[in-house]
PDB file of N, CA and C in Angstrom:
ATOM      1  N   MET A   1       9.255   5.628  21.132  1.00  0.00           N
ATOM      2  CA  MET A   1      10.006   6.235  20.311  1.00  0.00           C
ATOM      3  C   MET A   1       9.670   7.614  20.246  1.00  0.00           C
ATOM      4  N   ALA A   2       9.667   8.146  20.864  1.00  0.00           N
ATOM      5  CA  ALA A   2       9.019   9.362  20.346  1.00  0.00           C
ATOM      6  C   ALA A   2      10.207  10.230  19.118  1.00  0.00           C
ATOM      7  N   THR A   3       8.964  11.137  18.623  1.00  0.00           N
ATOM      8  CA  THR A   3       9.451  11.627  17.334  1.00  0.00           C
ATOM      9  C   THR A   3       9.074  12.866  17.272  1.00  0.00           C
ATOM     10  N   SER A   4       9.962  13.842  16.009  1.00  0.00           N
ATOM     11  CA  SER A   4       9.642  14.921  16.231  1.00  0.00           C
ATOM     12  C   SER A   4       7.957  15.134  15.278  1.00  0.00           C
ATOM     13  N   LYS A   5       7.890  16.352  15.548  1.00  0.00           N
ATOM     14  CA  LYS A   5       7.087  16.678  14.467  1.00  0.00           C
ATOM     15  C   LYS A   5       6.981  17.028  13.059  1.00  0.00           C
ATOM     16  N   ASN A   6       8.549  16.918  12.417  1.00  0.00           N
ATOM     17  CA  ASN A   6       8.713  18.013  11.295  1.00  0.00           C
ATOM     18  C   ASN A   6       9.355  15.792  11.247  1.00  0.00           C
ATOM     19  N   ALA A   7       9.486  14.814  11.884  1.00  0.00           N
ATOM     20  CA  ALA A   7       9.699  14.476  11.987  1.00  0.00           C
ATOM     21  C   ALA A   7       9.980  13.392  10.701  1.00  0.00           C
ATOM     22  N   SER A   8      10.424  12.487   9.952  1.00  0.00           N
ATOM     23  CA  SER A   8       9.661  11.706   9.020  1.00  0.00           C
ATOM     24  C   SER A   8       9.194   9.862   9.272  1.00  0.00           C
ATOM     25  N   PRO A   9       8.972   9.640   9.178  1.00  0.00           N
ATOM     26  CA  PRO A   9       8.282   8.167   9.845  1.00  0.00           C
ATOM     27  C   PRO A   9       9.739   7.344   9.260  1.00  0.00           C
ATOM     28  N   PHE A  10       9.236   7.389   7.866  1.00  0.00           N
ATOM     29  CA  PHE A  10      10.279   6.956   7.079  1.00  0.00           C
ATOM     30  C   PHE A  10      12.266   6.893   7.457  1.00  0.00           C
ATOM     31  N   PRO A  11      12.522   5.822   6.895  1.00  0.00           N
ATOM     32  CA  PRO A  11      14.501   5.612   6.858  1.00  0.00           C
ATOM     33  C   PRO A  11      14.313   7.002   6.045  1.00  0.00           C
ATOM     34  N   THR A  12      15.730   7.294   5.996  1.00  0.00           N
ATOM     35  CA  THR A  12      16.554   8.075   5.338  1.00  0.00           C
ATOM     36  C   THR A  12      17.739   7.041   4.277  1.00  0.00           C
ATOM     37  N   ASN A  13      17.850   7.157   3.052  1.00  0.00           N
ATOM     38  CA  ASN A  13      18.896   6.011   3.048  1.00  0.00           C
ATOM     39  C   ASN A  13      19.523   7.075   1.356  1.00  0.00           C
ATOM     40  N   THR A  14      21.222   6.300   2.140  1.00  0.00           N
ATOM     41  CA  THR A  14      21.647   7.821  -0.056  1.00  0.00           C
ATOM     42  C   THR A  14      22.452   5.985   0.321  1.00  0.00           C
ATOM     43  N   SER A  15      22.731   6.686  -1.802  1.00  0.00           N
ATOM     44  CA  SER A  15      23.442   4.763  -1.980  1.00  0.00           C
ATOM     45  C   SER A  15      25.239   5.613  -2.867  1.00  0.00           C
ATOM     46  N   PRO A  16      25.822   5.092  -3.117  1.00  0.00           N
ATOM     47  CA  PRO A  16      26.443   5.353  -2.975  1.00  0.00           C
ATOM     48  C   PRO A  16      26.867   6.684  -4.605  1.00  0.00           C
ATOM     49  N   ASN A  17      26.179   6.958  -4.884  1.00  0.00           N
ATOM     50  CA  ASN A  17      25.810   7.219  -6.734  1.00  0.00           C
ATOM     51  C   ASN A  17      24.781   7.935  -6.489  1.00  0.00           C
ATOM     52  N   GLY A  18      24.931   8.479  -5.359  1.00  0.00           N
ATOM     53  CA  GLY A  18      23.842  10.007  -4.922  1.00  0.00           C
ATOM     54  C   GLY A  18      22.409   9.857  -4.830  1.00  0.00           C
ATOM     55  N   PHE A  19      21.665   9.295  -4.232  1.00  0.00           N
ATOM     56  CA  PHE A  19      20.614   8.627  -4.847  1.00  0.00           C
ATOM     57  C   PHE A  19      20.270   9.578  -2.954  1.00  0.00           C
ATOM     58  N   ALA A  20      19.575  10.629  -2.190  1.00  0.00           N
ATOM     59  CA  ALA A  20      19.598  10.794  -0.900  1.00  0.00           C
ATOM     60  C   ALA A  20      17.413  10.784  -0.349  1.00  0.00           C
ATOM     61  N   GLY A  21      17.223  10.866   0.258  1.00  0.00           N
ATOM     62  CA  GLY A  21      16.314  11.124   1.091  1.00  0.00           C
ATOM     63  C   GLY A  21      14.803  10.297   1.269  1.00  0.00           C
ATOM     64  N   SER A  22      13.768  10.602   1.768  1.00  0.00           N
ATOM     65  CA  SER A  22      13.157   9.500   2.929  1.00  0.00           C
ATOM     66  C   SER A  22      12.214   8.864   1.856  1.00  0.00           C
ATOM     67  N   CYS A  23      12.647   7.254   2.646  1.00  0.00           N
ATOM     68  CA  CYS A  23      12.797   6.282   1.332  1.00  0.00           C
ATOM     69  C   CYS A  23      11.477   4.937   2.554  1.00  0.00           C
ATOM     70  N   ARG A  24      10.448   4.982   1.614  1.00  0.00           N
ATOM     71  CA  ARG A  24       9.932   3.079   3.366  1.00  0.00           C
ATOM     72  C   ARG A  24       9.985   2.275   3.023  1.00  0.00           C
ATOM     73  N   ARG A  25      11.818   1.809   1.527  1.00  0.00           N
ATOM     74  CA  ARG A  25      12.278   0.400   1.836  1.00  0.00           C
ATOM     75  C   ARG A  25      13.062   0.925   2.961  1.00  0.00           C
ATOM     76  N   GLN A  26      12.907  -0.752   3.253  1.00  0.00           N
ATOM     77  CA  GLN A  26      14.563  -1.146   3.972  1.00  0.00           C
ATOM     78  C   GLN A  26      15.646  -0.698   3.505  1.00  0.00           C
ATOM     79  N   THR A  27      15.087  -1.334   1.573  1.00  0.00           N
ATOM     80  CA  THR A  27      17.124  -1.134   0.824  1.00  0.00           C
ATOM     81  C   THR A  27      16.578   0.635   0.607  1.00  0.00           C
ATOM     82  N   VAL A  28      18.337  -0.039  -0.265  1.00  0.00           N
ATOM     83  CA  VAL A  28      18.840   1.649  -0.572  1.00  0.00           C
ATOM     84  C   VAL A  28      18.463   1.323  -1.804  1.00  0.00           C
ATOM     85  N   ARG A  29      18.493   2.826  -2.302  1.00  0.00           N
ATOM     86  CA  ARG A  29      17.908   2.849  -4.111  1.00  0.00           C
ATOM     87  C   ARG A  29      19.036   3.480  -4.818  1.00  0.00           C
ATOM     88  N   LEU A  30      18.648   3.164  -6.021  1.00  0.00           N
ATOM     89  CA  LEU A  30      20.635   3.378  -7.078  1.00  0.00           C
ATOM     90  C   LEU A  30      19.637   4.335  -8.482  1.00  0.00           C
ATOM     91  N   ARG A  31      19.948   5.309  -8.459  1.00  0.00           N
ATOM     92  CA  ARG A  31      19.537   5.782  -9.316  1.00  0.00           C
ATOM     93  C   ARG A  31      20.317   5.094 -10.531  1.00  0.00           C
ATOM     94  N   GLY A  32      19.405   5.387 -11.570  1.00  0.00           N
ATOM     95  CA  GLY A  32      19.374   4.483 -13.119  1.00  0.00           C
ATOM     96  C   GLY A  32      19.987   5.255 -13.929  1.00  0.00           C
ATOM     97  N   GLY A  33      21.024   5.368 -14.748  1.00  0.00           N
ATOM     98  CA  GLY A  33      21.495   5.631 -15.573  1.00  0.00           C
ATOM     99  C   GLY A  33      20.326   6.890 -16.883  1.00  0.00           C
ATOM    100  N   MET A  34      20.874   7.516 -17.803  1.00  0.00           N
ATOM    101  CA  MET A  34      19.751   8.242 -18.743  1.00  0.00           C
ATOM    102  C   MET A  34      20.063   6.962 -19.823  1.00  0.00           C
ATOM    103  N   SER A  35      21.577   6.648 -19.690  1.00  0.00           N
ATOM    104  CA  SER A  35      20.932   4.560 -20.841  1.00  0.00           C
ATOM    105  C   SER A  35      20.319   3.751 -19.494  1.00  0.00           C
ATOM    106  N   THR A  36      19.887   2.722 -18.405  1.00  0.00           N
ATOM    107  CA  THR A  36      19.202   1.938 -18.174  1.00  0.00           C
ATOM    108  C   THR A  36      18.850   2.186 -18.808  1.00  0.00           C
ATOM    109  N   PHE A  37      17.964   0.940 -19.343  1.00  0.00           N
ATOM    110  CA  PHE A  37      16.590   0.213 -19.841  1.00  0.00           C
ATOM    111  C   PHE A  37      16.169  -0.838 -19.483  1.00  0.00           C
ATOM    112  N   VAL A  38      15.067  -1.221 -18.679  1.00  0.00           N
ATOM    113  CA  VAL A  38      14.741  -2.454 -19.085  1.00  0.00           C
ATOM    114  C   VAL A  38      13.464  -3.494 -20.092  1.00  0.00           C
ATOM    115  N   PHE A  39      14.120  -4.118 -20.687  1.00  0.00           N
ATOM    116  CA  PHE A  39      12.225  -5.103 -20.897  1.00  0.00           C
ATOM    117  C   PHE A  39      11.051  -5.247 -20.684  1.00  0.00           C
ATOM    118  N   LEU A  40       9.809  -5.073 -20.512  1.00  0.00           N
ATOM    119  CA  LEU A  40       9.247  -5.502 -20.132  1.00  0.00           C
ATOM    120  C   LEU A  40       8.060  -6.375 -20.549  1.00  0.00           C
ATOM    121  N   THR A  41       7.926  -6.936 -20.400  1.00  0.00           N
ATOM    122  CA  THR A  41       6.297  -8.347 -20.789  1.00  0.00           C
ATOM    123  C   THR A  41       5.189  -8.978 -20.077  1.00  0.00           C
ATOM    124  N   ASN A  42       3.949  -8.800 -20.688  1.00  0.00           N
ATOM    125  CA  ASN A  42       2.852  -9.344 -19.552  1.00  0.00           C
ATOM    126  C   ASN A  42       3.028 -11.058 -20.336  1.00  0.00           C
ATOM    127  N   GLY A  43       4.583 -11.510 -20.363  1.00  0.00           N
ATOM    128  CA  GLY A  43       4.861 -12.877 -20.763  1.00  0.00           C
ATOM    129  C   GLY A  43       3.524 -13.958 -21.431  1.00  0.00           C
ATOM    130  N   ASN A  44       3.164 -13.804 -21.695  1.00  0.00           N
ATOM    131  CA  ASN A  44       2.039 -14.351 -22.673  1.00  0.00           C
ATOM    132  C   ASN A  44       1.926 -14.034 -23.625  1.00  0.00           C
ATOM    133  N   GLY A  45       3.116 -13.773 -24.424  1.00  0.00           N
ATOM    134  CA  GLY A  45       2.833 -13.865 -25.347  1.00  0.00           C
ATOM    135  C   GLY A  45       3.564 -12.224 -26.398  1.00  0.00           C
ATOM    136  N   ALA A  46       3.074 -11.018 -25.769  1.00  0.00           N
ATOM    137  CA  ALA A  46       2.701 -10.298 -26.343  1.00  0.00           C
ATOM    138  C   ALA A  46       4.082  -9.683 -25.810  1.00  0.00           C
ATOM    139  N   PRO A  47       4.507  -8.601 -27.370  1.00  0.00           N
ATOM    140  CA  PRO A  47       6.544  -7.996 -27.588  1.00  0.00           C
ATOM    141  C   PRO A  47       6.545  -7.596 -26.430  1.00  0.00           C
ATOM    142  N   GLN A  48       8.345  -7.641 -25.693  1.00  0.00           N
ATOM    143  CA  GLN A  48       8.410  -6.176 -25.522  1.00  0.00           C
ATOM    144  C   GLN A  48       8.490  -4.789 -24.949  1.00  0.00           C
ATOM    145  N   LYS A  49       9.106  -4.456 -24.883  1.00  0.00           N
ATOM    146  CA  LYS A  49       8.510  -2.846 -25.144  1.00  0.00           C
ATOM    147  C   LYS A  49      10.097  -2.751 -23.628  1.00  0.00           C
ATOM    148  N   GLU A  50      10.931  -1.270 -24.326  1.00  0.00           N
ATOM    149  CA  GLU A  50      12.168  -0.136 -23.739  1.00  0.00           C
ATOM    150  C   GLU A  50      11.312   0.324 -22.650  1.00  0.00           C
ATOM    151  N   ALA A  51      11.142   0.056 -21.249  1.00  0.00           N
ATOM    152  CA  ALA A  51      11.774   1.736 -19.937  1.00  0.00           C
ATOM    153  C   ALA A  51      12.671   1.192 -19.709  1.00  0.00           C
ATOM    154  N   ASN A  52      13.100   2.807 -19.723  1.00  0.00           N
ATOM    155  CA  ASN A  52      13.741   3.195 -19.101  1.00  0.00           C
ATOM    156  C   ASN A  52      13.897   4.152 -17.257  1.00  0.00           C
ATOM    157  N   VAL A  53      14.628   3.056 -16.683  1.00  0.00           N
ATOM    158  CA  VAL A  53      15.050   2.424 -15.277  1.00  0.00           C
ATOM    159  C   VAL A  53      15.269   4.280 -14.462  1.00  0.00           C
ATOM    160  N   SER A  54      14.365   4.241 -13.636  1.00  0.00           N
ATOM    161  CA  SER A  54      14.642   6.024 -13.390  1.00  0.00           C
ATOM    162  C   SER A  54      15.471   5.343 -11.475  1.00  0.00           C
ATOM    163  N   ASP A  55      14.473   4.452 -11.324  1.00  0.00           N
ATOM    164  CA  ASP A  55      15.620   4.194  -8.955  1.00  0.00           C
ATOM    165  C   ASP A  55      15.128   2.489  -8.814  1.00  0.00           C
ATOM    166  N   ILE A  56      15.687   1.993  -8.560  1.00  0.00           N
ATOM    167  CA  ILE A  56      15.701   0.897  -8.041  1.00  0.00           C
ATOM    168  C   ILE A  56      16.630   0.388  -6.946  1.00  0.00           C
ATOM    169  N   SER A  57      15.722  -0.499  -6.385  1.00  0.00           N
ATOM    170  CA  SER A  57      16.486  -1.532  -5.280  1.00  0.00           C
ATOM    171  C   SER A  57      16.585  -2.336  -4.958  1.00  0.00           C
ATOM    172  N   GLU A  58      16.347  -3.635  -4.437  1.00  0.00           N
ATOM    173  CA  GLU A  58      16.340  -4.406  -4.343  1.00  0.00           C
ATOM    174  C   GLU A  58      15.202  -5.423  -3.981  1.00  0.00           C
ATOM    175  N   GLU A  59      13.859  -3.970  -3.181  1.00  0.00           N
ATOM    176  CA  GLU A  59      12.825  -4.042  -3.437  1.00  0.00           C
ATOM    177  C   GLU A  59      11.698  -3.795  -4.272  1.00  0.00           C
ATOM    178  N   GLY A  60      12.247  -3.071  -5.968  1.00  0.00           N
ATOM    179  CA  GLY A  60      11.522  -2.680  -6.779  1.00  0.00           C
ATOM    180  C   GLY A  60      11.673  -1.722  -7.938  1.00  0.00           C
ATOM    181  N   MET A  61      11.113  -0.733  -8.711  1.00  0.00           N
ATOM    182  CA  MET A  61      11.623  -0.399  -9.335  1.00  0.00           C
ATOM    183  C   MET A  61      10.833   0.539  -9.340  1.00  0.00           C
ATOM    184  N   GLY A  62      11.672   2.185 -10.071  1.00  0.00           N
ATOM    185  CA  GLY A  62      10.881   3.627 -10.837  1.00  0.00           C
ATOM    186  C   GLY A  62      11.405   3.060 -11.680  1.00  0.00           C
ATOM    187  N   VAL A  63       9.946   3.165 -13.139  1.00  0.00           N
ATOM    188  CA  VAL A  63      10.137   3.149 -14.637  1.00  0.00           C
ATOM    189  C   VAL A  63       9.824   4.661 -15.315  1.00  0.00           C
ATOM    190  N   ARG A  64      10.044   5.139 -16.172  1.00  0.00           N
ATOM    191  CA  ARG A  64       9.234   5.752 -17.114  1.00  0.00           C
ATOM    192  C   ARG A  64       9.359   4.695 -18.864  1.00  0.00           C
ATOM    193  N   PHE A  65       8.076   5.401 -18.609  1.00  0.00           N
ATOM    194  CA  PHE A  65       7.064   3.824 -20.190  1.00  0.00           C
ATOM    195  C   PHE A  65       5.871   4.599 -20.765  1.00  0.00           C
ATOM    196  N   GLY A  66       6.055   4.329 -21.615  1.00  0.00           N
ATOM    197  CA  GLY A  66       5.726   5.576 -23.241  1.00  0.00           C
ATOM    198  C   GLY A  66       3.874   5.303 -23.314  1.00  0.00           C
ATOM    199  N   GLU A  67       3.624   4.191 -22.408  1.00  0.00           N
ATOM    200  CA  GLU A  67       1.978   3.567 -21.852  1.00  0.00           C
ATOM    201  C   GLU A  67       1.830   3.936 -20.401  1.00  0.00           C
ATOM    202  N   PRO A  68       0.195   3.547 -20.302  1.00  0.00           N
ATOM    203  CA  PRO A  68      -0.026   3.272 -19.091  1.00  0.00           C
ATOM    204  C   PRO A  68       0.043   1.886 -18.742  1.00  0.00           C
ATOM    205  N   LEU A  69      -0.170   1.145 -17.795  1.00  0.00           N
ATOM    206  CA  LEU A  69      -0.202  -0.098 -16.830  1.00  0.00           C
ATOM    207  C   LEU A  69      -1.213  -0.032 -15.855  1.00  0.00           C
ATOM    208  N   GLU A  70      -2.421  -0.508 -15.423  1.00  0.00           N
ATOM    209  CA  GLU A  70      -3.059  -1.263 -14.614  1.00  0.00           C
ATOM    210  C   GLU A  70      -1.789  -0.796 -13.598  1.00  0.00           C
ATOM    211  N   PRO A  71      -2.336  -0.381 -12.533  1.00  0.00           N
ATOM    212  CA  PRO A  71      -1.486  -1.391 -10.522  1.00  0.00           C
ATOM    213  C   PRO A  71      -3.334  -1.890 -10.612  1.00  0.00           C
ATOM    214  N   GLY A  72      -1.607  -3.231 -10.396  1.00  0.00           N
ATOM    215  CA  GLY A  72      -2.159  -4.773  -9.572  1.00  0.00           C
ATOM    216  C   GLY A  72      -1.876  -5.368 -10.734  1.00  0.00           C
ATOM    217  N   THR A  73      -1.022  -5.135 -11.971  1.00  0.00           N
ATOM    218  CA  THR A  73      -1.255  -5.633 -13.864  1.00  0.00           C
ATOM    219  C   THR A  73       0.542  -6.928 -12.842  1.00  0.00           C
ATOM    220  N   PHE A  74       0.914  -7.632 -13.345  1.00  0.00           N
ATOM    221  CA  PHE A  74       1.821  -8.254 -13.022  1.00  0.00           C
ATOM    222  C   PHE A  74       2.519  -8.281 -15.303  1.00  0.00           C
ATOM    223  N   LEU A  75       3.518  -7.908 -14.362  1.00  0.00           N
ATOM    224  CA  LEU A  75       4.973  -8.169 -15.869  1.00  0.00           C
ATOM    225  C   LEU A  75       6.032  -8.946 -15.826  1.00  0.00           C
ATOM    226  N   LEU A  76       7.268  -9.847 -16.423  1.00  0.00           N
ATOM    227  CA  LEU A  76       8.227  -9.348 -16.187  1.00  0.00           C
ATOM    228  C   LEU A  76       9.079  -8.503 -17.012  1.00  0.00           C
ATOM    229  N   VAL A  77      10.290  -8.652 -15.615  1.00  0.00           N
ATOM    230  CA  VAL A  77      10.933  -7.286 -16.257  1.00  0.00           C
ATOM    231  C   VAL A  77      12.528  -8.164 -16.772  1.00  0.00           C
ATOM    232  N   ILE A  78      12.978  -7.528 -17.860  1.00  0.00           N
ATOM    233  CA  ILE A  78      13.970  -8.317 -18.545  1.00  0.00           C
ATOM    234  C   ILE A  78      14.878  -7.372 -18.230  1.00  0.00           C
ATOM    235  N   PHE A  79      16.145  -8.013 -17.371  1.00  0.00           N
ATOM    236  CA  PHE A  79      16.966  -7.531 -16.729  1.00  0.00           C
ATOM    237  C   PHE A  79      18.135  -7.805 -18.622  1.00  0.00           C
ATOM    238  N   LEU A  80      19.573  -6.018 -19.429  1.00  0.00           N
ATOM    239  CA  LEU A  80      20.076  -7.179 -20.092  1.00  0.00           C
ATOM    240  C   LEU A  80      21.654  -6.584 -19.212  1.00  0.00           C
ATOM    241  N   ASN A  81      22.614  -7.144 -19.387  1.00  0.00           N
ATOM    242  CA  ASN A  81      24.153  -6.320 -19.108  1.00  0.00           C
ATOM    243  C   ASN A  81      24.783  -6.231 -20.731  1.00  0.00           C
ATOM    244  N   LYS A  82      24.728  -5.487 -21.123  1.00  0.00           N
ATOM    245  CA  LYS A  82      24.912  -5.137 -22.861  1.00  0.00           C
ATOM    246  C   LYS A  82      26.412  -5.307 -22.999  1.00  0.00           C
ATOM    247  N   LYS A  83      26.929  -4.780 -22.715  1.00  0.00           N
ATOM    248  CA  LYS A  83      28.820  -5.924 -21.829  1.00  0.00           C
ATOM    249  C   LYS A  83      28.589  -6.779 -22.334  1.00  0.00           C
ATOM    250  N   THR A  84      28.205  -8.355 -21.653  1.00  0.00           N
ATOM    251  CA  THR A  84      28.555  -9.668 -22.025  1.00  0.00           C
ATOM    252  C   THR A  84      27.049 -10.252 -22.115  1.00  0.00           C
ATOM    253  N   SER A  85      26.008  -9.475 -23.258  1.00  0.00           N
ATOM    254  CA  SER A  85      24.239  -9.986 -23.201  1.00  0.00           C
ATOM    255  C   SER A  85      24.140 -10.978 -22.923  1.00  0.00           C
ATOM    256  N   ALA A  86      24.737 -11.152 -20.914  1.00  0.00           N
ATOM    257  CA  ALA A  86      23.628 -11.781 -20.572  1.00  0.00           C
ATOM    258  C   ALA A  86      22.196 -11.025 -20.141  1.00  0.00           C
ATOM    259  N   HIS A  87      21.171 -11.427 -19.638  1.00  0.00           N
ATOM    260  CA  HIS A  87      20.206 -11.240 -18.572  1.00  0.00           C
ATOM    261  C   HIS A  87      19.616 -12.279 -17.343  1.00  0.00           C
ATOM    262  N   ILE A  88      18.686 -11.691 -16.858  1.00  0.00           N
ATOM    263  CA  ILE A  88      17.946 -12.429 -16.018  1.00  0.00           C
ATOM    264  C   ILE A  88      16.653 -11.410 -15.925  1.00  0.00           C
ATOM    265  N   THR A  89      15.665 -12.312 -16.079  1.00  0.00           N
ATOM    266  CA  THR A  89      14.459 -12.324 -15.744  1.00  0.00           C
ATOM    267  C   THR A  89      13.804 -12.365 -14.721  1.00  0.00           C
ATOM    268  N   LYS A  90      12.968 -11.431 -13.981  1.00  0.00           N
ATOM    269  CA  LYS A  90      11.653 -10.509 -12.710  1.00  0.00           C
ATOM    270  C   LYS A  90      10.991 -10.594 -13.020  1.00  0.00           C
ATOM    271  N   ARG A  91      10.366 -11.370 -12.063  1.00  0.00           N
ATOM    272  CA  ARG A  91       8.531 -11.187 -12.230  1.00  0.00           C
ATOM    273  C   ARG A  91       7.776  -9.946 -11.051  1.00  0.00           C
ATOM    274  N   ALA A  92       7.299  -8.722 -12.186  1.00  0.00           N
ATOM    275  CA  ALA A  92       7.466  -7.686 -10.959  1.00  0.00           C
ATOM    276  C   ALA A  92       5.942  -7.401 -10.584  1.00  0.00           C
ATOM    277  N   ARG A  93       4.609  -6.643  -9.942  1.00  0.00           N
ATOM    278  CA  ARG A  93       3.900  -6.611  -9.176  1.00  0.00           C
ATOM    279  C   ARG A  93       3.658  -4.933 -10.444  1.00  0.00           C
ATOM    280  N   VAL A  94       2.028  -4.045 -10.935  1.00  0.00           N
ATOM    281  CA  VAL A  94       2.554  -2.258 -11.134  1.00  0.00           C
ATOM    282  C   VAL A  94       2.080  -1.769 -10.354  1.00  0.00           C
ATOM    283  N   ALA A  95       2.644  -0.798  -8.986  1.00  0.00           N
ATOM    284  CA  ALA A  95       2.325  -0.135  -7.801  1.00  0.00           C
ATOM    285  C   ALA A  95       1.344   0.860  -7.932  1.00  0.00           C
ATOM    286  N   HIS A  96       1.966   1.176  -8.766  1.00  0.00           N
ATOM    287  CA  HIS A  96       1.752   3.157  -9.182  1.00  0.00           C
ATOM    288  C   HIS A  96       2.447   3.379 -10.700  1.00  0.00           C
ATOM    289  N   CYS A  97       1.166   4.193 -11.196  1.00  0.00           N
ATOM    290  CA  CYS A  97       0.911   4.678 -12.485  1.00  0.00           C
ATOM    291  C   CYS A  97       0.799   6.221 -12.330  1.00  0.00           C
ATOM    292  N   THR A  98       1.396   6.922 -12.587  1.00  0.00           N
ATOM    293  CA  THR A  98       1.301   8.656 -12.965  1.00  0.00           C
ATOM    294  C   THR A  98       1.768   8.709 -14.434  1.00  0.00           C
ATOM    295  N   THR A  99       1.121   9.874 -14.812  1.00  0.00           N
ATOM    296  CA  THR A  99       1.763  10.964 -15.615  1.00  0.00           C
ATOM    297  C   THR A  99       2.389  11.875 -14.958  1.00  0.00           C
ATOM    298  N   ASP A 100       3.529  12.165 -16.829  1.00  0.00           N
ATOM    299  CA  ASP A 100       4.924  12.752 -16.627  1.00  0.00           C
ATOM    300  C   ASP A 100       3.880  14.271 -16.796  1.00  0.00           C
ATOM    301  N   GLY A 101       2.903  14.441 -17.021  1.00  0.00           N
ATOM    302  CA  GLY A 101       2.380  15.026 -17.643  1.00  0.00           C
ATOM    303  C   GLY A 101       3.419  15.451 -19.399  1.00  0.00           C
ATOM    304  N   ILE A 102       3.579  15.297 -19.969  1.00  0.00           N
ATOM    305  CA  ILE A 102       4.551  15.256 -21.121  1.00  0.00           C
ATOM    306  C   ILE A 102       4.791  14.686 -21.782  1.00  0.00           C
ATOM    307  N   GLY A 103       3.959  13.539 -21.497  1.00  0.00           N
ATOM    308  CA  GLY A 103       3.965  12.092 -22.910  1.00  0.00           C
ATOM    309  C   GLY A 103       4.308  10.391 -22.495  1.00  0.00           C
ATOM    310  N   SER A 104       4.884  11.021 -21.363  1.00  0.00           N
ATOM    311  CA  SER A 104       5.705   9.240 -21.025  1.00  0.00           C
ATOM    312  C   SER A 104       4.462   8.624 -19.009  1.00  0.00           C
ATOM    313  N   TRP A 105       5.140   7.822 -18.893  1.00  0.00           N
ATOM    314  CA  TRP A 105       4.108   7.346 -17.453  1.00  0.00           C
ATOM    315  C   TRP A 105       5.389   6.679 -16.279  1.00  0.00           C
ATOM    316  N   LEU A 106       4.895   7.381 -14.947  1.00  0.00           N
ATOM    317  CA  LEU A 106       6.303   6.947 -14.529  1.00  0.00           C
ATOM    318  C   LEU A 106       5.326   6.070 -13.269  1.00  0.00           C
ATOM    319  N   ILE A 107       6.611   4.346 -13.982  1.00  0.00           N
ATOM    320  CA  ILE A 107       5.912   3.667 -13.412  1.00  0.00           C
ATOM    321  C   ILE A 107       6.375   2.633 -12.172  1.00  0.00           C
ATOM    322  N   GLY A 108       5.574   2.577 -10.497  1.00  0.00           N
ATOM    323  CA  GLY A 108       6.271   1.909  -9.822  1.00  0.00           C
ATOM    324  C   GLY A 108       6.514   0.852  -9.917  1.00  0.00           C
ATOM    325  N   LEU A 109       7.515  -0.425 -10.147  1.00  0.00           N
ATOM    326  CA  LEU A 109       7.120  -1.517  -9.817  1.00  0.00           C
ATOM    327  C   LEU A 109       7.516  -2.375  -8.536  1.00  0.00           C
ATOM    328  N   GLU A 110       6.817  -3.980  -8.342  1.00  0.00           N
ATOM    329  CA  GLU A 110       7.395  -4.247  -6.537  1.00  0.00           C
ATOM    330  C   GLU A 110       7.911  -5.274  -7.386  1.00  0.00           C
ATOM    331  N   PHE A 111       9.147  -6.002  -6.909  1.00  0.00           N
ATOM    332  CA  PHE A 111       9.704  -6.878  -7.281  1.00  0.00           C
ATOM    333  C   PHE A 111       9.176  -8.157  -6.186  1.00  0.00           C
ATOM    334  N   THR A 112       8.210  -9.566  -6.837  1.00  0.00           N
ATOM    335  CA  THR A 112       7.922 -10.160  -6.010  1.00  0.00           C
ATOM    336  C   THR A 112       9.170 -11.114  -5.287  1.00  0.00           C
ATOM    337  N   GLU A 113      10.023 -10.739  -6.090  1.00  0.00           N
ATOM    338  CA  GLU A 113      11.111 -12.094  -5.025  1.00  0.00           C
ATOM    339  C   GLU A 113      12.328 -11.083  -5.360  1.00  0.00           C
ATOM    340  N   ARG A 114      13.209 -10.783  -3.580  1.00  0.00           N
ATOM    341  CA  ARG A 114      13.883  -9.590  -3.795  1.00  0.00           C
ATOM    342  C   ARG A 114      15.277 -10.044  -5.152  1.00  0.00           C
ATOM    343  N   LEU A 115      15.993  -8.295  -5.859  1.00  0.00           N
ATOM    344  CA  LEU A 115      16.348  -8.505  -6.218  1.00  0.00           C
ATOM    345  C   LEU A 115      17.653  -8.421  -5.976  1.00  0.00           C
ATOM    346  N   PRO A 116      18.698  -9.752  -5.661  1.00  0.00           N
ATOM    347  CA  PRO A 116      20.055  -8.955  -4.380  1.00  0.00           C
ATOM    348  C   PRO A 116      21.025  -7.522  -5.540  1.00  0.00           C
ATOM    349  N   LEU A 117      21.285  -6.918  -4.734  1.00  0.00           N
ATOM    350  CA  LEU A 117      22.063  -6.005  -4.943  1.00  0.00           C
ATOM    351  C   LEU A 117      23.347  -6.262  -6.315  1.00  0.00           C
ATOM    352  N   CYS A 118      23.540  -7.275  -5.957  1.00  0.00           N
ATOM    353  CA  CYS A 118      25.249  -7.767  -6.847  1.00  0.00           C
ATOM    354  C   CYS A 118      24.139  -7.690  -8.165  1.00  0.00           C
ATOM    355  N   LEU A 119      22.737  -8.982  -8.153  1.00  0.00           N
ATOM    356  CA  LEU A 119      23.035  -8.790  -9.185  1.00  0.00           C
ATOM    357  C   LEU A 119      22.849  -6.571 -10.645  1.00  0.00           C
ATOM    358  N   ILE A 120      21.706  -6.046  -9.479  1.00  0.00           N
ATOM    359  CA  ILE A 120      21.225  -5.275  -9.290  1.00  0.00           C
ATOM    360  C   ILE A 120      23.224  -4.134 -10.391  1.00  0.00           C
ATOM    361  N   ASN A 121      23.672  -4.356  -9.179  1.00  0.00           N
ATOM    362  CA  ASN A 121      25.331  -3.551 -10.206  1.00  0.00           C
ATOM    363  C   ASN A 121      25.750  -4.359 -11.660  1.00  0.00           C
ATOM    364  N   GLU A 122      25.527  -5.092 -10.956  1.00  0.00           N
ATOM    365  CA  GLU A 122      25.506  -5.667 -12.832  1.00  0.00           C
ATOM    366  C   GLU A 122      24.459  -5.636 -14.112  1.00  0.00           C
ATOM    367  N   PHE A 123      23.241  -5.089 -13.915  1.00  0.00           N
ATOM    368  CA  PHE A 123      22.619  -4.578 -15.288  1.00  0.00           C
ATOM    369  C   PHE A 123      22.537  -3.271 -15.169  1.00  0.00           C
ATOM    370  N   VAL A 124      22.147  -2.803 -13.938  1.00  0.00           N
ATOM    371  CA  VAL A 124      22.301  -0.836 -14.470  1.00  0.00           C
ATOM    372  C   VAL A 124      23.239  -0.625 -13.930  1.00  0.00           C
TER     373      VAL A 124
END
């Protein structure tokens, strides 16, 4: 298949809530709201810490976090439905970690198993 020099090799996804852009993922990324939080823990008795969701897809998510995390680290991500108090826990691997320059860290997490879109809509 021929492509132009300026064409992106990645599919472009557009979500109903406004996210649009080139994306390596084959699934739609949804923006998290300013009040969309998850809790992160290493699962070994460490306390849960809150992270703000910046975007999420069935394959992973981006979060803002108060401290750096080592790429390759496995975490448990706890999603809480504030209306019903229901929660789900997903295992994820830190794919990347970059400072935002103002005291937070932008962290990409890759789920070890897909998170169905119906659950994303319920918890985010």
